[in-house]
Amino acid sequence: MGNNMITTIILAILASNGFFALLQFLITRWDTRKNFKGKLELLEKDGLRTQLLLLILMQPEEQTEILKIAEHYFVKLKGNWYMTGLFSKWCDAHGLEPDWFKKN
């Protein structure tokens, strides 16, 4: 074997290992990014739930703001948990039936 052929084989092996290392890095990065995005969405949902709860309890007359936050929470973020019942009671108390809100 010539010097050029040995160099070519070594470069091919290194390139192959480098490619798989890069592929592994990209897959790991994608998983981390996906996990990070999920955590951000959860934080946004938690924050909106808290804002909605505070507005309902402290300023129940602020219908426009409560409805705006609630629509974002229930529709866009698909929030639910314990706020569905509380929001439903608030709507009943204020004679409201938002078309986007589905009571359980």
Protein backbone atom coordinates (compact mmCIF):
# COMPACT_ATOMS: atom_id res chain seq x y z
CA MET A 1 0.00 0.00 0.00
CA GLY A 2 1.16 3.42 -0.83
CA ASN A 3 1.42 6.38 1.48
CA ASN A 4 -1.52 8.08 -0.27
CA MET A 5 -3.79 5.06 0.21
CA ILE A 6 -3.00 4.80 3.94
CA THR A 7 -3.65 8.52 4.32
CA THR A 8 -6.96 8.14 2.46
CA ILE A 9 -8.06 5.23 4.69
CA ILE A 10 -7.13 7.12 7.87
CA LEU A 11 -8.98 10.22 6.66
CA ALA A 12 -12.03 8.12 5.76
CA ILE A 13 -12.07 6.54 9.24
CA LEU A 14 -11.68 9.91 10.94
CA ALA A 15 -14.34 11.47 8.73
CA SER A 16 -16.70 8.58 9.47
CA ASN A 17 -16.17 8.92 13.22
CA GLY A 18 -16.50 12.69 12.94
CA PHE A 19 -19.76 12.33 11.01
CA PHE A 20 -21.26 10.01 13.63
CA ALA A 21 -20.08 12.28 16.44
CA LEU A 22 -21.71 15.23 14.69
CA LEU A 23 -24.90 13.23 14.16
CA GLN A 24 -24.97 12.21 17.82
CA PHE A 25 -24.39 15.81 18.87
CA LEU A 26 -27.26 17.04 16.69
CA ILE A 27 -29.65 14.39 18.00
CA THR A 28 -28.74 15.18 21.60
CA ARG A 29 -29.13 18.90 20.92
CA TRP A 30 -32.57 18.32 19.35
CA ASP A 31 -33.74 16.29 22.37
CA THR A 32 -32.46 18.95 24.76
CA ARG A 33 -34.12 21.72 22.75
CA LYS A 34 -37.41 19.83 22.61
CA ASN A 35 -37.28 19.25 26.38
CA PHE A 36 -36.44 22.93 26.94
CA LYS A 37 -39.36 24.02 24.76
CA GLY A 38 -41.71 21.78 26.76
CA LYS A 39 -40.52 23.32 30.01
CA LEU A 40 -41.03 26.84 28.63
CA GLU A 41 -44.58 25.98 27.60
CA LEU A 42 -45.26 24.58 31.06
CA LEU A 43 -43.91 27.76 32.67
CA GLU A 44 -46.10 29.91 30.42
CA LYS A 45 -49.15 27.83 31.31
CA ASP A 46 -48.34 28.05 35.04
CA GLY A 47 -47.85 31.82 34.82
CA LEU A 48 -51.12 32.38 32.99
CA ARG A 49 -52.97 30.13 35.42
CA THR A 50 -51.65 32.23 38.29
CA GLN A 51 -52.58 35.50 36.58
CA LEU A 52 -56.06 34.22 35.81
CA LEU A 53 -56.58 33.04 39.37
CA LEU A 54 -55.38 36.35 40.83
CA LEU A 55 -57.60 38.39 38.53
CA ILE A 56 -60.66 36.27 39.29
CA LEU A 57 -60.05 36.54 43.03
CA MET A 58 -58.84 40.13 43.30
CA GLN A 59 -60.51 41.93 40.40
CA PRO A 60 -63.47 39.82 39.26
CA GLU A 61 -65.05 42.84 37.55
CA GLU A 62 -62.21 43.01 34.97
CA GLN A 63 -64.12 40.85 32.50
CA THR A 64 -62.21 41.85 29.37
CA GLU A 65 -58.80 41.04 30.85
CA ILE A 66 -59.97 37.82 32.49
CA LEU A 67 -61.54 36.61 29.25
CA LYS A 68 -58.41 37.51 27.25
CA ILE A 69 -56.13 35.58 29.61
CA ALA A 70 -58.57 32.69 29.93
CA GLU A 71 -58.92 32.29 26.17
CA HIS A 72 -55.15 32.18 25.76
CA TYR A 73 -54.86 29.70 28.64
CA PHE A 74 -57.69 27.36 27.66
CA VAL A 75 -57.54 27.57 23.85
CA LYS A 76 -53.95 28.21 22.76
CA LEU A 77 -52.17 26.46 25.63
CA LYS A 78 -54.90 23.85 26.14
CA GLY A 79 -54.86 24.53 29.86
CA ASN A 80 -57.21 22.73 32.17
CA TRP A 81 -56.54 21.33 35.60
CA TYR A 82 -58.35 23.08 38.46
CA MET A 83 -58.93 26.38 36.61
CA THR A 84 -61.73 24.93 34.49
CA GLY A 85 -64.09 24.71 37.45
CA LEU A 86 -63.08 28.07 38.91
CA PHE A 87 -63.39 29.86 35.58
CA SER A 88 -66.73 28.18 34.94
CA LYS A 89 -68.06 29.44 38.30
CA TRP A 90 -66.78 32.95 37.53
CA CYS A 91 -68.51 32.88 34.13
CA ASP A 92 -71.78 31.73 35.73
CA ALA A 93 -71.56 34.47 38.37
CA HIS A 94 -71.10 37.09 35.63
CA GLY A 95 -73.62 35.66 33.17
CA LEU A 96 -70.94 34.88 30.58
CA GLU A 97 -70.71 31.96 28.16
CA PRO A 98 -67.60 32.35 25.97
CA ASP A 99 -68.03 30.32 22.78
CA TRP A 100 -64.43 29.08 23.01
CA PHE A 101 -64.83 27.68 26.54
CA LYS A 102 -66.01 24.10 26.99
CA LYS A 103 -67.17 23.15 30.45
CA ASN A 104 -66.37 19.63 31.55
